[in-house]
Amino acid sequence: MSTIKKLVKEQGATVIDVRSSWEFDEGHVEGAINIPLDEIPMRIDDIKQMQQPVIVYCRSGGRSSMAMGFLQQGGLSTVFNGGGLADMQLQLM
């Protein structure tokens, strides 16, 4: 079982899709929350209140890497980069 799958299935991790709302509407991981990358810095306190750990993903892994950095700088220590949407879907199978 992949680390991401364990975090979701065993620890109830929060999954955040950091793509735009229109990208999210076109398809996303089941149960994911959409918080676009440009909103992450302003939503850190909200995200801290969510179930930990937090997994972020995007289209290819670039935006999720930036989101992970914002969240870590904001004080979250249990943040994981799930990569792109296809990566997440494969890891959760």
C-alpha atoms as a PDB file:
ATOM      1  CA  MET A   1       0.000   0.000   0.000  1.00  0.00           C
ATOM      2  CA  SER A   2       1.395   3.422  -0.951  1.00  0.00           C
ATOM      3  CA  THR A   3       2.179   6.011   1.703  1.00  0.00           C
ATOM      4  CA  ILE A   4      -0.503   8.322   0.318  1.00  0.00           C
ATOM      5  CA  LYS A   5      -3.116   5.556   0.426  1.00  0.00           C
ATOM      6  CA  LYS A   6      -2.158   4.719   4.030  1.00  0.00           C
ATOM      7  CA  LEU A   7      -2.453   8.380   5.032  1.00  0.00           C
ATOM      8  CA  VAL A   8      -5.924   8.616   3.509  1.00  0.00           C
ATOM      9  CA  LYS A   9      -7.307   5.206   4.512  1.00  0.00           C
ATOM     10  CA  GLU A  10      -5.681   4.754   7.934  1.00  0.00           C
ATOM     11  CA  GLN A  11      -5.211   8.320   9.193  1.00  0.00           C
ATOM     12  CA  GLY A  12      -8.100  10.109   7.487  1.00  0.00           C
ATOM     13  CA  ALA A  13      -5.821  12.635   5.813  1.00  0.00           C
ATOM     14  CA  THR A  14      -7.350  15.751   4.298  1.00  0.00           C
ATOM     15  CA  VAL A  15      -6.789  15.852   0.539  1.00  0.00           C
ATOM     16  CA  ILE A  16      -6.587  19.316  -1.019  1.00  0.00           C
ATOM     17  CA  ASP A  17      -6.654  19.930  -4.769  1.00  0.00           C
ATOM     18  CA  VAL A  18      -4.774  23.203  -5.370  1.00  0.00           C
ATOM     19  CA  ARG A  19      -5.828  23.538  -9.020  1.00  0.00           C
ATOM     20  CA  SER A  20      -8.286  26.206 -10.197  1.00  0.00           C
ATOM     21  CA  SER A  21     -11.987  25.666  -9.589  1.00  0.00           C
ATOM     22  CA  TRP A  22     -12.655  24.927 -13.269  1.00  0.00           C
ATOM     23  CA  GLU A  23      -9.906  22.265 -13.289  1.00  0.00           C
ATOM     24  CA  PHE A  24     -11.396  20.767 -10.123  1.00  0.00           C
ATOM     25  CA  ASP A  25     -14.859  20.718 -11.724  1.00  0.00           C
ATOM     26  CA  GLU A  26     -13.475  18.725 -14.666  1.00  0.00           C
ATOM     27  CA  GLY A  27     -12.394  15.914 -12.337  1.00  0.00           C
ATOM     28  CA  HIS A  28     -10.755  15.359  -8.970  1.00  0.00           C
ATOM     29  CA  VAL A  29      -9.936  12.762  -6.352  1.00  0.00           C
ATOM     30  CA  GLU A  30     -13.045  11.634  -4.498  1.00  0.00           C
ATOM     31  CA  GLY A  31     -13.361  13.517  -1.209  1.00  0.00           C
ATOM     32  CA  ALA A  32     -10.824  16.194  -2.145  1.00  0.00           C
ATOM     33  CA  ILE A  33     -11.339  19.815  -1.129  1.00  0.00           C
ATOM     34  CA  ASN A  34     -10.594  22.523  -3.711  1.00  0.00           C
ATOM     35  CA  ILE A  35      -8.435  25.365  -2.420  1.00  0.00           C
ATOM     36  CA  PRO A  36      -6.641  26.990  -5.387  1.00  0.00           C
ATOM     37  CA  LEU A  37      -2.925  27.653  -4.883  1.00  0.00           C
ATOM     38  CA  ASP A  38      -3.357  31.432  -4.754  1.00  0.00           C
ATOM     39  CA  GLU A  39      -5.728  31.047  -1.778  1.00  0.00           C
ATOM     40  CA  ILE A  40      -3.471  28.719   0.258  1.00  0.00           C
ATOM     41  CA  PRO A  41      -1.457  31.452   2.067  1.00  0.00           C
ATOM     42  CA  MET A  42      -4.670  33.154   3.237  1.00  0.00           C
ATOM     43  CA  ARG A  43      -6.315  29.864   4.292  1.00  0.00           C
ATOM     44  CA  ILE A  44      -3.504  28.398   6.416  1.00  0.00           C
ATOM     45  CA  ASP A  45      -5.456  28.884   9.666  1.00  0.00           C
ATOM     46  CA  ASP A  46      -8.478  27.122   8.110  1.00  0.00           C
ATOM     47  CA  ILE A  47      -6.283  24.257   6.924  1.00  0.00           C
ATOM     48  CA  LYS A  48      -4.728  23.895  10.384  1.00  0.00           C
ATOM     49  CA  GLN A  49      -8.241  23.140  11.693  1.00  0.00           C
ATOM     50  CA  MET A  50      -8.724  20.301   9.189  1.00  0.00           C
ATOM     51  CA  GLN A  51      -7.942  16.641   9.849  1.00  0.00           C
ATOM     52  CA  GLN A  52      -4.173  16.076   9.744  1.00  0.00           C
ATOM     53  CA  PRO A  53      -2.106  15.010   7.871  1.00  0.00           C
ATOM     54  CA  VAL A  54      -2.768  17.076   4.749  1.00  0.00           C
ATOM     55  CA  ILE A  55      -2.046  15.899   1.206  1.00  0.00           C
ATOM     56  CA  VAL A  56      -1.930  18.447  -1.609  1.00  0.00           C
ATOM     57  CA  TYR A  57      -2.039  17.718  -5.329  1.00  0.00           C
ATOM     58  CA  CYS A  58      -2.487  19.577  -8.616  1.00  0.00           C
ATOM     59  CA  ARG A  59      -2.149  18.720 -12.320  1.00  0.00           C
ATOM     60  CA  SER A  60       1.508  17.739 -12.446  1.00  0.00           C
ATOM     61  CA  GLY A  61       3.027  18.353  -8.999  1.00  0.00           C
ATOM     62  CA  GLY A  62       4.413  21.873  -9.413  1.00  0.00           C
ATOM     63  CA  ARG A  63       1.641  23.846  -7.740  1.00  0.00           C
ATOM     64  CA  SER A  64       1.259  21.236  -5.021  1.00  0.00           C
ATOM     65  CA  SER A  65       4.970  21.564  -4.255  1.00  0.00           C
ATOM     66  CA  MET A  66       4.515  25.326  -3.838  1.00  0.00           C
ATOM     67  CA  ALA A  67       1.407  24.767  -1.685  1.00  0.00           C
ATOM     68  CA  MET A  68       3.315  22.347   0.522  1.00  0.00           C
ATOM     69  CA  GLY A  69       6.001  24.999   1.025  1.00  0.00           C
ATOM     70  CA  PHE A  70       3.409  27.646   1.993  1.00  0.00           C
ATOM     71  CA  LEU A  71       1.794  25.269   4.475  1.00  0.00           C
ATOM     72  CA  GLN A  72       5.107  24.229   6.029  1.00  0.00           C
ATOM     73  CA  GLN A  73       6.143  27.882   6.380  1.00  0.00           C
ATOM     74  CA  GLY A  74       2.757  28.479   8.012  1.00  0.00           C
ATOM     75  CA  GLY A  75       3.501  25.884  10.682  1.00  0.00           C
ATOM     76  CA  LEU A  76       1.998  22.642   9.366  1.00  0.00           C
ATOM     77  CA  SER A  77       4.446  19.789   9.757  1.00  0.00           C
ATOM     78  CA  THR A  78       2.410  16.880   8.412  1.00  0.00           C
ATOM     79  CA  VAL A  79       1.963  17.987   4.789  1.00  0.00           C
ATOM     80  CA  PHE A  80       2.589  15.671   1.838  1.00  0.00           C
ATOM     81  CA  ASN A  81       2.817  16.357  -1.888  1.00  0.00           C
ATOM     82  CA  GLY A  82       0.669  13.845  -3.746  1.00  0.00           C
ATOM     83  CA  GLY A  83       1.935  15.119  -7.103  1.00  0.00           C
ATOM     84  CA  GLY A  84      -0.472  15.351 -10.008  1.00  0.00           C
ATOM     85  CA  LEU A  85      -4.059  14.185 -10.310  1.00  0.00           C
ATOM     86  CA  ALA A  86      -3.067  11.020 -12.197  1.00  0.00           C
ATOM     87  CA  ASP A  87      -0.413  10.253  -9.559  1.00  0.00           C
ATOM     88  CA  MET A  88      -2.981  10.612  -6.777  1.00  0.00           C
ATOM     89  CA  GLN A  89      -5.504   8.421  -8.555  1.00  0.00           C
ATOM     90  CA  LEU A  90      -2.908   5.689  -9.045  1.00  0.00           C
ATOM     91  CA  GLN A  91      -1.718   5.868  -5.448  1.00  0.00           C
ATOM     92  CA  LEU A  92      -5.267   5.553  -4.110  1.00  0.00           C
ATOM     93  CA  MET A  93      -6.159   2.460  -6.159  1.00  0.00           C
END
